[in-house]
Structures are given as structure tokens and as C-alpha cells.
N, C-alpha and C. Protein backbone atom coordinates (compact mmCIF):
# COMPACT_ATOMS: atom_id res chain seq x y z
N ARG A 1 119.77 97.89 96.31
CA ARG A 1 120.44 96.66 96.01
C ARG A 1 119.38 95.78 95.63
N ILE A 2 119.08 94.76 94.20
CA ILE A 2 118.01 93.56 94.27
C ILE A 2 118.36 92.63 93.75
N SER A 3 118.17 91.56 94.54
CA SER A 3 118.46 90.18 93.74
C SER A 3 117.08 89.52 93.14
N LEU A 4 117.74 89.45 92.09
CA LEU A 4 116.16 88.20 91.09
C LEU A 4 116.74 86.95 90.65
N PHE A 5 115.43 86.36 91.55
CA PHE A 5 116.01 84.59 91.38
C PHE A 5 114.85 84.23 90.15
N ILE A 6 115.59 83.44 89.35
CA ILE A 6 114.91 82.82 88.36
C ILE A 6 115.06 81.54 88.60
N LYS A 7 114.21 80.55 88.63
CA LYS A 7 114.21 79.35 88.75
C LYS A 7 113.44 78.75 87.29
N ASN A 8 114.19 77.45 86.63
CA ASN A 8 113.91 76.73 85.94
C ASN A 8 112.65 75.57 86.32
N LYS A 9 111.33 75.50 86.21
CA LYS A 9 110.58 74.83 86.89
C LYS A 9 109.44 73.82 85.77
N GLN A 10 110.83 74.21 84.87
CA GLN A 10 110.37 73.05 83.21
C GLN A 10 110.92 71.44 83.49
N THR A 11 110.73 70.95 82.70
CA THR A 11 111.32 69.71 82.61
C THR A 11 112.16 69.27 81.44
N VAL A 12 112.75 70.32 80.51
CA VAL A 12 114.05 70.02 79.97
C VAL A 12 114.68 71.19 80.25
N PRO A 13 116.23 71.90 79.96
CA PRO A 13 117.47 72.69 80.49
C PRO A 13 116.80 74.05 79.56
N VAL A 14 117.41 74.83 80.62
CA VAL A 14 116.87 76.37 79.73
C VAL A 14 118.38 76.98 79.35
N THR A 15 118.27 77.46 78.15
CA THR A 15 120.22 77.66 77.58
C THR A 15 119.78 79.01 77.23
N GLY A 16 120.66 79.52 77.38
CA GLY A 16 121.36 81.12 76.64
C GLY A 16 120.07 82.05 77.41
N LEU A 17 119.96 81.98 78.74
CA LEU A 17 119.51 82.48 79.67
C LEU A 17 120.69 84.44 79.75
N SER A 18 119.78 85.21 79.89
CA SER A 18 120.51 86.18 79.93
C SER A 18 119.26 87.84 80.63
N VAL A 19 120.03 88.36 81.32
CA VAL A 19 118.87 89.20 81.43
C VAL A 19 119.38 91.03 81.18
N ASP A 20 118.57 91.06 80.52
CA ASP A 20 118.74 92.97 79.60
C ASP A 20 118.40 93.95 80.60
N MET A 21 119.33 94.84 80.77
CA MET A 21 118.77 95.41 81.41
C MET A 21 118.51 96.88 81.08
N PRO A 22 118.24 97.94 81.79
CA PRO A 22 117.98 99.19 80.73
C PRO A 22 118.98 100.16 80.44
N GLU A 23 119.01 100.72 79.26
CA GLU A 23 119.86 101.87 79.69
C GLU A 23 119.42 103.07 79.40
N VAL A 24 119.33 104.07 80.32
CA VAL A 24 118.38 105.02 80.79
C VAL A 24 119.09 105.91 81.32
N SER A 25 119.35 107.35 81.04
CA SER A 25 120.15 108.60 81.48
C SER A 25 119.95 108.71 82.88
N TYR A 26 118.47 108.16 83.57
CA TYR A 26 118.34 108.73 84.71
C TYR A 26 118.83 107.64 85.91
N LEU A 27 119.00 106.61 85.56
CA LEU A 27 119.11 105.56 86.70
C LEU A 27 120.80 104.30 85.70
N ARG A 28 121.22 104.53 87.12
CA ARG A 28 122.71 104.08 86.28
C ARG A 28 122.17 102.48 87.20
N VAL A 29 122.66 101.68 86.62
CA VAL A 29 122.46 100.11 86.83
C VAL A 29 123.69 99.46 86.85
N GLN A 30 124.05 98.47 87.70
CA GLN A 30 125.05 97.43 86.94
C GLN A 30 124.45 95.98 87.50
N THR A 31 125.33 94.99 86.88
CA THR A 31 124.29 93.70 87.24
C THR A 31 125.94 92.83 87.24
N GLN A 32 125.41 91.56 87.73
CA GLN A 32 126.44 90.51 87.86
C GLN A 32 125.85 89.72 86.37
N PRO A 33 127.39 88.74 86.10
CA PRO A 33 126.66 87.97 85.16
C PRO A 33 125.86 87.15 85.21
N THR A 34 125.25 86.38 84.78
CA THR A 34 124.04 85.56 84.86
C THR A 34 124.84 84.00 84.47
N ALA A 35 124.29 83.00 84.83
CA ALA A 35 124.94 81.98 84.01
C ALA A 35 123.92 81.48 83.26
N PRO A 36 124.32 81.13 81.63
CA PRO A 36 123.56 81.23 80.91
C PRO A 36 122.57 79.85 80.57
N ASN A 37 122.75 78.93 82.03
CA ASN A 37 122.05 77.60 81.51
C ASN A 37 121.77 77.19 82.64
N LEU A 38 120.16 76.45 82.48
CA LEU A 38 119.68 76.36 84.12
C LEU A 38 119.05 74.78 83.76
N GLU A 39 119.37 73.63 84.44
CA GLU A 39 119.32 72.51 83.99
C GLU A 39 117.63 72.23 84.99
N PRO A 40 117.15 71.66 84.58
CA PRO A 40 115.37 71.19 85.47
C PRO A 40 115.56 71.18 87.10
N GLY A 41 114.77 72.48 87.19
CA GLY A 41 114.83 72.38 89.37
C GLY A 41 115.98 73.42 89.33
N ALA A 42 116.61 73.58 88.69
CA ALA A 42 118.03 74.75 89.43
C ALA A 42 117.56 75.98 89.50
N SER A 43 117.84 76.84 89.76
CA SER A 43 117.93 78.34 90.06
C SER A 43 119.25 79.32 90.39
N SER A 44 119.03 80.20 89.79
CA SER A 44 120.25 80.98 89.88
C SER A 44 119.43 82.69 90.58
N GLU A 45 120.84 83.51 91.11
CA GLU A 45 120.18 84.23 91.92
C GLU A 45 121.02 85.75 90.65
N HIS A 46 120.49 86.86 90.34
CA HIS A 46 121.19 87.93 89.83
C HIS A 46 121.04 88.88 90.04
N LYS A 47 122.09 89.14 90.88
CA LYS A 47 122.38 90.64 91.07
C LYS A 47 122.56 91.97 90.76
N ILE A 48 121.61 92.81 91.39
CA ILE A 48 121.39 94.17 90.53
C ILE A 48 121.29 95.14 91.48
N ALA A 49 122.24 96.02 91.29
CA ALA A 49 122.63 97.37 91.76
C ALA A 49 122.53 98.93 91.12
N ALA A 50 121.18 99.55 91.63
CA ALA A 50 121.04 100.73 90.87
C ALA A 50 121.21 101.72 91.47
N GLU A 51 121.17 103.15 90.99
CA GLU A 51 121.36 104.36 91.49
C GLU A 51 121.09 105.33 90.23
N ALA A 52 120.09 106.32 91.50
CA ALA A 52 119.54 107.03 90.25
C ALA A 52 120.54 108.42 90.11
N MET A 53 120.13 108.98 89.57
CA MET A 53 121.11 110.02 88.36
C MET A 53 120.67 111.10 88.07
N ALA A 54 119.06 111.19 88.32
CA ALA A 54 118.29 112.12 88.11
C ALA A 54 116.82 111.82 88.21
N PRO A 55 116.06 113.24 88.25
CA PRO A 55 114.61 113.07 88.66
C PRO A 55 113.89 112.04 87.50
N TYR A 56 112.50 110.97 87.96
CA TYR A 56 112.37 110.40 87.17
C TYR A 56 110.97 109.81 87.52
N GLU A 57 109.58 109.70 86.60
CA GLU A 57 108.36 109.22 87.41
C GLU A 57 108.23 107.67 87.46
N GLY A 58 108.35 107.06 86.23
CA GLY A 58 108.47 106.12 86.36
C GLY A 58 109.94 104.91 86.81
N ALA A 59 109.32 103.53 86.76
CA ALA A 59 110.34 102.70 86.71
C ALA A 59 110.78 102.21 85.31
N PRO A 60 111.88 102.34 85.19
CA PRO A 60 112.33 101.59 83.79
C PRO A 60 111.47 100.04 83.70
N GLU A 61 111.74 98.99 82.19
CA GLU A 61 111.30 97.66 82.12
C GLU A 61 113.00 97.36 81.99
N PHE A 62 112.78 95.91 82.25
CA PHE A 62 113.99 94.98 81.77
C PHE A 62 113.47 93.69 81.25
N ALA A 63 113.95 93.16 80.28
CA ALA A 63 113.94 91.73 79.88
C ALA A 63 114.80 90.64 80.23
N ILE A 64 114.17 89.73 80.39
CA ILE A 64 114.83 88.18 80.30
C ILE A 64 114.50 87.49 79.10
N ALA A 65 115.41 86.82 78.24
CA ALA A 65 115.01 85.97 77.64
C ALA A 65 116.17 84.82 77.75
N PHE A 66 115.36 83.85 77.15
CA PHE A 66 116.17 82.03 77.34
C PHE A 66 115.45 80.72 76.23
N GLN A 67 116.44 80.32 75.58
CA GLN A 67 115.47 78.90 74.93
C GLN A 67 115.31 78.05 75.81
N ALA A 68 114.25 76.99 75.57
CA ALA A 68 113.79 75.96 76.26
C ALA A 68 113.15 75.14 75.28
N GLY A 69 113.53 74.06 74.68
CA GLY A 69 112.57 72.85 74.75
C GLY A 69 112.58 73.18 72.81
N GLY A 70 113.43 73.96 72.46
CA GLY A 70 112.98 74.02 70.94
C GLY A 70 112.70 75.62 70.71
N ALA A 71 112.72 76.35 71.72
CA ALA A 71 112.02 77.71 71.31
C ALA A 71 112.58 78.72 72.49
N SER A 72 112.15 79.98 71.80
CA SER A 72 112.65 81.31 72.08
C SER A 72 111.89 82.19 72.72
N HIS A 73 111.84 82.55 74.06
CA HIS A 73 110.86 83.25 75.12
C HIS A 73 111.83 84.54 75.79
N ARG A 74 111.12 85.35 75.23
CA ARG A 74 111.29 86.71 76.36
C ARG A 74 110.20 87.89 76.87
N TYR A 75 110.61 87.49 77.74
CA TYR A 75 109.61 88.47 78.97
C TYR A 75 109.76 89.54 79.31
N THR A 76 109.35 91.38 79.35
CA THR A 76 109.56 92.73 79.33
C THR A 76 109.45 92.49 81.22
N LEU A 77 109.64 92.94 81.73
CA LEU A 77 108.92 93.64 82.99
C LEU A 77 109.09 94.46 83.70
N ARG A 78 108.92 95.06 84.78
CA ARG A 78 109.13 96.05 85.23
C ARG A 78 110.32 96.31 86.45
N LEU A 79 111.34 96.96 86.23
CA LEU A 79 112.85 97.10 87.28
C LEU A 79 111.72 97.80 89.06
N PRO A 80 112.10 97.01 89.75
CA PRO A 80 111.76 97.82 90.82
C PRO A 80 112.14 98.59 91.59
N THR A 81 112.23 99.98 91.13
CA THR A 81 113.20 100.98 91.31
C THR A 81 112.22 102.18 90.81
N VAL A 82 110.94 102.00 91.75
CA VAL A 82 110.45 103.41 91.59
C VAL A 82 111.43 104.58 92.33
N ALA A 83 110.89 105.82 92.21
CA ALA A 83 112.02 106.94 92.82
C ALA A 83 111.72 106.84 94.01
N SER A 84 110.79 106.49 95.09
CA SER A 84 110.55 106.22 96.31
C SER A 84 111.73 105.46 97.16
N CYS A 85 112.60 104.93 96.28
CA CYS A 85 113.59 104.16 96.87
C CYS A 85 114.82 104.96 96.89
N PHE A 86 115.23 105.92 96.18
CA PHE A 86 116.00 106.82 96.76
C PHE A 86 115.54 107.96 97.33
N ILE A 87 114.39 107.98 98.15
CA ILE A 87 114.08 109.30 98.80
C ILE A 87 114.71 108.52 100.44
N GLN A 88 115.39 109.59 101.45
CA GLN A 88 115.27 109.56 102.49
C GLN A 88 115.10 110.23 103.14
N ALA A 89 114.94 110.22 104.50
CA ALA A 89 114.25 111.04 105.12
C ALA A 89 114.64 112.25 106.22
N VAL A 90 114.20 113.07 105.99
CA VAL A 90 114.24 114.70 106.46
C VAL A 90 113.56 114.93 107.43
N PRO A 91 114.37 115.00 109.05
CA PRO A 91 113.26 115.31 109.88
C PRO A 91 113.54 117.12 109.97
N SER A 92 112.73 117.63 110.46
CA SER A 92 112.46 119.16 110.80
C SER A 92 110.98 119.20 111.63
N SER A 93 111.95 120.41 112.13
CA SER A 93 110.84 121.07 112.89
C SER A 93 109.26 121.78 112.49
N ALA A 94 107.48 121.54 112.93
CA ALA A 94 107.05 122.21 112.32
C ALA A 94 107.32 123.32 111.80
N ASP A 95 107.80 124.82 112.09
CA ASP A 95 108.28 125.96 111.52
C ASP A 95 108.62 125.93 110.65
N GLU A 96 110.09 124.55 110.66
CA GLU A 96 110.96 124.37 109.56
C GLU A 96 110.04 124.41 108.47
N PHE A 97 109.15 123.34 108.68
CA PHE A 97 108.10 122.70 107.16
C PHE A 97 107.36 123.54 106.36
N LYS A 98 107.16 124.29 107.69
CA LYS A 98 105.96 125.20 106.47
C LYS A 98 106.73 126.78 105.95
N THR A 99 108.21 127.02 106.09
CA THR A 99 108.70 127.90 105.51
C THR A 99 109.06 127.18 104.40
N ARG A 100 109.28 125.41 104.83
CA ARG A 100 110.04 125.13 103.48
C ARG A 100 109.05 124.76 102.66
N TRP A 101 107.74 124.22 103.06
CA TRP A 101 106.34 124.41 102.12
C TRP A 101 105.93 125.59 101.40
N LYS A 102 106.00 126.56 102.20
CA LYS A 102 105.73 127.69 101.48
C LYS A 102 106.58 128.51 100.29
N ALA A 103 107.90 128.50 100.44
CA ALA A 103 109.27 128.42 99.52
C ALA A 103 108.87 127.48 97.97
N LEU A 104 108.14 126.57 98.15
CA LEU A 104 107.99 125.42 97.27
C LEU A 104 106.80 125.69 96.12
N GLU A 105 106.18 126.97 96.87
CA GLU A 105 104.97 127.03 95.60
C GLU A 105 105.09 127.27 94.47
N GLY A 106 104.09 127.22 93.55
CA GLY A 106 104.34 127.43 91.79
C GLY A 106 105.07 126.69 91.52
N GLN A 107 105.95 127.37 89.86
CA GLN A 107 106.87 127.00 88.78
C GLN A 107 106.80 125.16 88.57
N ASN A 108 105.38 124.85 88.82
CA ASN A 108 105.65 123.01 88.33
C ASN A 108 105.63 122.92 89.35
N ARG A 109 106.25 123.02 90.96
CA ARG A 109 106.42 121.93 91.73
C ARG A 109 105.25 121.56 92.15
N GLU A 110 104.08 121.92 92.40
CA GLU A 110 103.00 120.92 93.02
C GLU A 110 102.33 120.21 91.99
N GLN A 111 101.90 118.69 92.65
CA GLN A 111 100.98 117.86 92.14
C GLN A 111 99.60 117.65 93.60
N GLN A 112 98.82 117.86 93.04
CA GLN A 112 97.29 117.12 94.43
C GLN A 112 96.69 116.72 93.27
N VAL A 113 95.79 115.44 93.89
CA VAL A 113 95.02 114.79 93.50
C VAL A 113 93.92 114.48 94.94
N VAL A 114 92.73 114.30 94.90
CA VAL A 114 91.58 113.93 95.67
C VAL A 114 91.36 112.83 95.12
N TRP A 115 90.58 112.31 95.98
CA TRP A 115 90.02 110.56 95.71
C TRP A 115 89.26 109.59 96.56
N ASN A 116 87.96 109.39 96.46
CA ASN A 116 87.57 108.86 97.40
C ASN A 116 87.87 107.61 97.60
N THR A 117 87.98 106.96 98.73
CA THR A 117 88.13 105.29 98.91
C THR A 117 86.75 104.86 99.68
N SER A 118 86.94 103.61 99.35
CA SER A 118 85.53 102.94 99.97
C SER A 118 86.15 101.89 101.17
N THR A 119 87.15 102.28 101.92
CA THR A 119 87.45 101.80 103.51
C THR A 119 87.56 103.12 104.33
N SER A 120 86.31 102.73 105.40
CA SER A 120 86.36 103.93 106.48
C SER A 120 87.97 104.21 106.79
N ILE A 121 87.69 105.49 107.06
CA ILE A 121 88.78 106.61 107.44
C ILE A 121 88.83 106.65 108.95
N ASP A 122 89.15 106.11 109.66
CA ASP A 122 89.70 106.49 111.48
C ASP A 122 90.66 106.78 111.67
N SER A 123 90.84 106.97 113.12
CA SER A 123 92.45 106.57 113.85
C SER A 123 93.44 105.92 113.29
N GLU A 124 92.93 105.02 113.56
CA GLU A 124 93.47 103.84 112.97
C GLU A 124 94.11 103.67 111.80
N ARG A 125 93.26 103.61 110.67
CA ARG A 125 93.83 103.57 109.35
C ARG A 125 95.00 104.95 108.98
N MET A 126 94.66 106.18 109.67
CA MET A 126 95.34 107.15 109.53
C MET A 126 96.63 106.75 110.31
N GLN A 127 97.00 105.65 111.35
CA GLN A 127 98.32 105.74 112.12
C GLN A 127 98.74 104.94 111.37
N ARG A 128 98.27 103.95 110.50
CA ARG A 128 99.10 103.01 109.71
C ARG A 128 99.69 103.53 107.99
N ILE A 129 98.84 104.56 108.27
CA ILE A 129 99.12 105.36 106.43
C ILE A 129 100.14 105.70 107.21
N LYS A 130 100.33 106.78 108.40
CA LYS A 130 101.90 107.35 109.28
C LYS A 130 102.78 107.09 109.17
N THR A 131 102.33 104.91 109.82
CA THR A 131 103.93 104.45 109.83
C THR A 131 104.26 104.02 109.20
N ALA A 132 103.23 102.58 108.70
CA ALA A 132 103.79 102.03 107.47
C ALA A 132 104.08 102.34 106.37
N ILE A 133 103.00 103.33 105.57
CA ILE A 133 103.63 103.66 104.27
C ILE A 133 104.39 104.91 104.03
N LEU A 134 104.00 105.72 104.85
CA LEU A 134 104.86 107.26 104.91
C LEU A 134 106.40 107.25 105.43
N ASP A 135 106.17 106.38 106.83
CA ASP A 135 107.48 106.03 107.48
C ASP A 135 108.33 105.22 107.54
N GLN A 136 107.37 103.76 107.40
CA GLN A 136 108.49 103.11 107.05
C GLN A 136 108.49 102.58 105.66
N GLY A 137 107.64 102.55 104.93
CA GLY A 137 107.40 102.14 103.39
C GLY A 137 108.12 103.32 102.56
N LEU A 138 107.85 104.50 102.62
CA LEU A 138 108.66 105.62 101.35
C LEU A 138 109.62 106.21 102.25
N HIS A 139 109.89 106.02 103.59
CA HIS A 139 111.41 106.44 104.23
C HIS A 139 111.10 108.13 104.39
N LEU A 140 109.81 108.30 104.66
CA LEU A 140 109.90 109.69 104.82
C LEU A 140 109.95 110.33 106.23
N ALA A 141 110.17 111.60 106.53
CA ALA A 141 110.38 111.79 108.24
C ALA A 141 108.96 112.32 108.04
N ILE A 142 108.13 112.02 109.52
CA ILE A 142 106.88 112.76 109.96
C ILE A 142 107.23 113.75 110.31
N ILE A 143 106.28 114.63 110.03
CA ILE A 143 106.72 116.31 110.64
C ILE A 143 105.49 116.59 111.69
N GLU A 144 106.28 116.58 112.90
CA GLU A 144 104.32 116.45 114.17
C GLU A 144 104.27 117.68 114.35
N GLY A 145 103.52 118.42 115.07
CA GLY A 145 102.66 119.47 114.90
C GLY A 145 102.41 120.80 113.96
N VAL A 146 102.65 120.06 112.45
CA VAL A 146 102.18 121.24 111.62
C VAL A 146 100.45 121.47 111.61
N ASP A 147 100.15 120.17 112.28
CA ASP A 147 98.44 120.75 112.84
C ASP A 147 98.41 120.20 113.59
N GLN A 148 97.30 120.29 114.04
CA GLN A 148 96.78 119.69 115.58
C GLN A 148 95.52 118.85 114.94
N ASN A 149 95.66 117.79 114.21
CA ASN A 149 94.99 117.14 113.50
C ASN A 149 95.14 116.03 113.43
N GLU A 150 94.79 114.81 113.44
CA GLU A 150 95.22 113.81 113.41
C GLU A 150 94.81 112.99 111.72
N TYR A 151 93.92 113.85 111.65
CA TYR A 151 93.58 113.72 109.90
C TYR A 151 94.23 114.29 109.06
N ILE A 152 95.40 115.14 109.74
CA ILE A 152 96.17 115.99 108.36
C ILE A 152 97.66 115.80 108.49
N LEU A 153 98.29 115.01 107.50
CA LEU A 153 99.65 114.28 108.14
C LEU A 153 100.71 115.04 107.04
N SER A 154 101.50 115.18 107.29
CA SER A 154 102.90 116.01 106.58
C SER A 154 103.99 115.26 106.91
N ALA A 155 104.57 115.30 106.03
CA ALA A 155 105.85 114.31 105.30
C ALA A 155 107.29 114.84 104.96
N ALA A 156 108.66 114.86 105.04
CA ALA A 156 109.43 115.01 104.20
C ALA A 156 110.49 114.11 103.90
N GLY A 157 111.21 114.86 102.88
CA GLY A 157 112.34 114.17 102.45
C GLY A 157 112.75 114.18 101.40
N GLN A 158 114.13 113.52 100.64
CA GLN A 158 114.55 114.15 99.64
C GLN A 158 115.12 113.13 98.91
N PHE A 159 115.28 113.53 97.65
CA PHE A 159 115.51 112.27 96.35
C PHE A 159 116.83 112.00 95.90
N ARG A 160 117.87 111.33 96.64
CA ARG A 160 119.34 111.74 96.73
C ARG A 160 119.65 110.65 95.41
N THR A 161 120.34 111.76 94.67
CA THR A 161 121.07 110.91 93.46
C THR A 161 122.35 110.65 93.53
N GLY A 162 122.99 109.85 92.29
CA GLY A 162 124.17 109.78 92.35
C GLY A 162 125.05 110.89 91.85
N THR A 163 124.34 111.96 90.62
CA THR A 163 125.03 112.79 90.15
C THR A 163 125.51 114.30 91.18
N VAL A 164 127.01 114.64 90.66
CA VAL A 164 127.82 115.26 91.71
C VAL A 164 127.84 116.37 91.41
N SER A 165 127.68 117.38 91.86
CA SER A 165 127.26 119.07 91.69
C SER A 165 128.58 119.73 91.61
N PRO A 166 128.47 120.70 91.23
CA PRO A 166 129.68 121.49 91.07
C PRO A 166 131.07 121.57 92.33
N SER A 167 130.09 121.18 93.61
CA SER A 167 130.59 121.65 94.77
C SER A 167 131.49 120.62 95.14
N GLY A 168 131.37 119.47 94.17
CA GLY A 168 131.67 118.21 94.72
C GLY A 168 130.51 117.23 95.83
N ALA A 169 129.44 117.72 96.19
CA ALA A 169 128.43 117.01 96.77
C ALA A 169 127.46 116.26 95.53
N LYS A 170 127.13 115.25 96.31
CA LYS A 170 125.58 114.62 95.07
C LYS A 170 124.47 115.16 95.43
N VAL A 171 123.43 115.55 94.24
CA VAL A 171 122.90 116.11 94.07
C VAL A 171 121.59 115.51 94.62
N SER A 172 120.89 116.31 95.78
CA SER A 172 119.24 115.83 96.21
C SER A 172 118.28 116.74 95.92
N VAL A 173 117.18 115.90 95.52
CA VAL A 173 115.86 116.99 95.50
C VAL A 173 114.76 116.99 96.72
N GLY A 174 114.99 117.70 97.36
CA GLY A 174 114.09 118.03 98.79
C GLY A 174 112.06 118.16 98.01
N CYS A 175 111.44 117.33 98.78
CA CYS A 175 110.41 116.90 98.80
C CYS A 175 109.38 117.16 100.02
N LEU A 176 108.55 117.43 100.02
CA LEU A 176 107.51 117.24 101.11
C LEU A 176 106.12 117.51 100.36
N LEU A 177 104.94 117.29 101.52
CA LEU A 177 103.59 116.00 101.59
C LEU A 177 102.77 116.81 102.64
N ARG A 178 101.53 116.47 101.97
CA ARG A 178 100.41 116.98 103.40
C ARG A 178 99.45 116.03 102.52
N LEU A 179 98.97 114.88 103.76
CA LEU A 179 97.73 114.21 103.10
C LEU A 179 96.55 114.81 103.97
N GLU A 180 95.77 115.35 103.81
CA GLU A 180 94.77 115.18 104.13
C GLU A 180 93.61 114.44 104.06
N ALA A 181 92.89 113.78 105.38
CA ALA A 181 91.79 113.18 105.31
C ALA A 181 90.31 113.80 105.88
N ASN A 182 89.37 113.68 105.14
CA ASN A 182 87.89 113.69 105.09
C ASN A 182 86.97 112.57 105.23
N ALA A 183 87.29 111.98 106.76
CA ALA A 183 86.81 110.92 107.20
C ALA A 183 85.08 110.93 106.87
N GLN A 184 84.38 111.95 107.04
CA GLN A 184 83.02 111.64 106.53
C GLN A 184 82.16 111.58 105.19
N GLN A 185 83.27 111.80 104.79
CA GLN A 185 82.84 111.93 103.21
C GLN A 185 83.83 110.77 102.29
N SER A 186 85.21 110.23 103.24
CA SER A 186 85.41 108.73 103.17
C SER A 186 86.57 109.43 101.68
N ALA A 187 87.49 110.60 101.58
CA ALA A 187 88.17 110.98 100.97
C ALA A 187 89.13 111.72 101.11
N PHE A 188 90.31 112.02 100.27
CA PHE A 188 91.58 112.01 100.61
C PHE A 188 92.17 113.33 99.78
N ARG A 189 93.18 114.12 100.18
CA ARG A 189 93.60 114.92 99.70
C ARG A 189 94.82 114.83 99.53
N LEU A 190 95.87 114.76 98.72
CA LEU A 190 97.44 114.44 98.81
C LEU A 190 97.65 115.52 97.85
N THR A 191 98.63 116.72 98.71
CA THR A 191 99.66 117.88 97.74
C THR A 191 100.87 117.10 98.17
N VAL A 192 101.88 117.27 97.21
CA VAL A 192 103.15 116.94 97.06
C VAL A 192 103.92 118.25 96.80
N ARG A 193 104.87 118.74 96.96
CA ARG A 193 105.76 119.66 96.53
C ARG A 193 106.96 119.36 96.65
N ALA A 194 107.79 119.53 95.31
CA ALA A 194 109.28 119.46 95.54
C ALA A 194 109.65 120.16 94.65
N VAL A 195 111.57 120.09 94.78
CA VAL A 195 112.39 121.15 94.03
C VAL A 195 111.82 120.76 92.46
N HIS A 196 112.03 119.70 92.24
CA HIS A 196 111.72 119.09 90.63
C HIS A 196 109.99 119.07 90.42
N GLY A 197 109.97 119.37 89.55
CA GLY A 197 108.11 118.87 89.38
C GLY A 197 108.16 116.93 88.66
N MET A 198 108.81 116.27 88.50
CA MET A 198 108.83 115.16 88.10
C MET A 198 108.85 114.58 89.53
N ILE A 199 109.62 115.02 90.75
CA ILE A 199 109.77 114.35 91.83
C ILE A 199 108.08 114.67 92.44
N SER A 200 107.58 115.51 92.35
CA SER A 200 105.82 115.87 92.74
C SER A 200 105.39 114.71 92.09
N VAL A 201 105.08 114.29 90.87
CA VAL A 201 104.72 113.41 89.52
C VAL A 201 104.91 112.16 91.05
N ALA A 202 106.05 111.77 90.25
CA ALA A 202 106.02 110.46 91.29
C ALA A 202 105.94 109.79 92.42
N LEU A 203 106.12 110.70 93.31
CA LEU A 203 105.76 110.25 94.51
C LEU A 203 104.11 110.81 95.03
N LYS A 204 103.69 111.74 94.16
CA LYS A 204 102.25 111.90 94.38
C LYS A 204 101.58 110.70 93.38
N ASN A 205 101.82 109.95 92.65
CA ASN A 205 101.37 108.76 92.26
C ASN A 205 101.73 107.59 92.72
N ILE A 206 102.91 107.19 93.72
CA ILE A 206 103.32 106.24 94.58
C ILE A 206 102.52 106.11 95.94
N VAL A 207 102.42 107.48 96.07
CA VAL A 207 101.98 107.63 98.07
C VAL A 207 100.04 107.25 97.16
N LYS A 208 99.51 107.94 96.25
CA LYS A 208 98.45 107.61 96.47
C LYS A 208 97.81 105.97 96.50
N SER A 209 98.43 105.53 95.36
CA SER A 209 99.00 104.02 95.06
C SER A 209 98.73 103.46 96.41
N GLN A 210 99.88 103.50 97.31
CA GLN A 210 99.47 102.54 98.81
C GLN A 210 98.57 103.46 99.88
N VAL A 211 97.95 104.28 99.76
CA VAL A 211 97.24 104.52 100.39
C VAL A 211 95.89 104.10 100.14
N ASN A 212 95.65 104.68 99.01
CA ASN A 212 94.57 103.98 98.26
C ASN A 212 92.95 104.13 98.98
């Protein structure tokens, strides 16, 4: 759920205010009607509910349009619904993780990226990545014991959708990742595997942008 707050900071009224949500097959978006007029200094809240229906890489755009002072305005923004918004942690043992990791080899299921970082890599930074980014931020389950090395992190989750399978259950896409750090070279290697390749791409891009 998203709350979009719109405030008229001008000295003239805003009229014809509209919020145009995307019509895409991979995302079901429900919104409440927007008050069409805002007096100077007034604000309104626009509530949005979004549900993923299929894997996707990037968040869609939406538009805000209005008239003020005799001129029409239209602004295109990015809806804050990246794929990680629909990921749920999937706890498992180290052995279960290794088995699933091997099962997801090949078939365009893997994405990998290596990059250098300008910030030094140490135990404290790895702990922040583990807790603040992977666990709390991206809702992934941290899998302990896969490697006896604090500079290698393993995590698991599932991308949940509202699409119903023939069995009546909602479709979920499993995803796993491993983040390996080289403190001496100030570099990271991120590998993501998922049942659907598009989720591998999306999660790789999101994790890299967060770790950076």
C-alpha cells in the first residue's frame, strides 16, 4: 500500500487534478478518487494498492496532471513498486539452500555482477548489509552456515503474486542470492538465481544499487 500526498504550494488554486495510474499486465493497481481541486496551502492524500501479477524488472510510471494559473501541467513519476516490494523471506537450513541453489543452475535463471566499491569493506559494513539491506530492507531470509565466512552472505525469498495457479494457490517465484566481498580489492560479486529469469535481473539490480 502506498500513500501519495499532494500539496498546493502555489498562491493560486489547483484544478482538474488527476493521478493516472499505469495499465500493465504484471501489476494490478487500485486507487481511490482524487479531489480535483486544491486551494492554496491545501493538501490531499491519494491511496494506492498494488499487487504483482507476474515477474517484472522495473517499476512502471504514473502521471500527475493539473491546471494552475491558466496553464496545464503534467508530471511523469516512477511508481515506488520495485520487485522487492513483493518478496517474502523463505527461511531454510544451509543444506536446503545448497540443494535449491544447485537446482536453479542454468536456463537463464542466473544473473551475476562484479563491481568495485569506494567504501572500505569490513565486518561492520557486512553486518549492515546483512541486517539493514537484505533482511529489513529487501525482506530476504538470511541463511546462516552456508559458508563459514563473514564476507559471504546467502539469502532466500519468494516473489509473491496475485495470480492463481490451477491448484488454486497464488503463484510464487523462488529466488536465492549470494553476495561475496573481497575486502582487499574493495569488490563485491553478487549472484542471483530465481525460477524466473526476470526476477533474477530485478533482484540483482536492486541489491547492487542498495549495496553499492
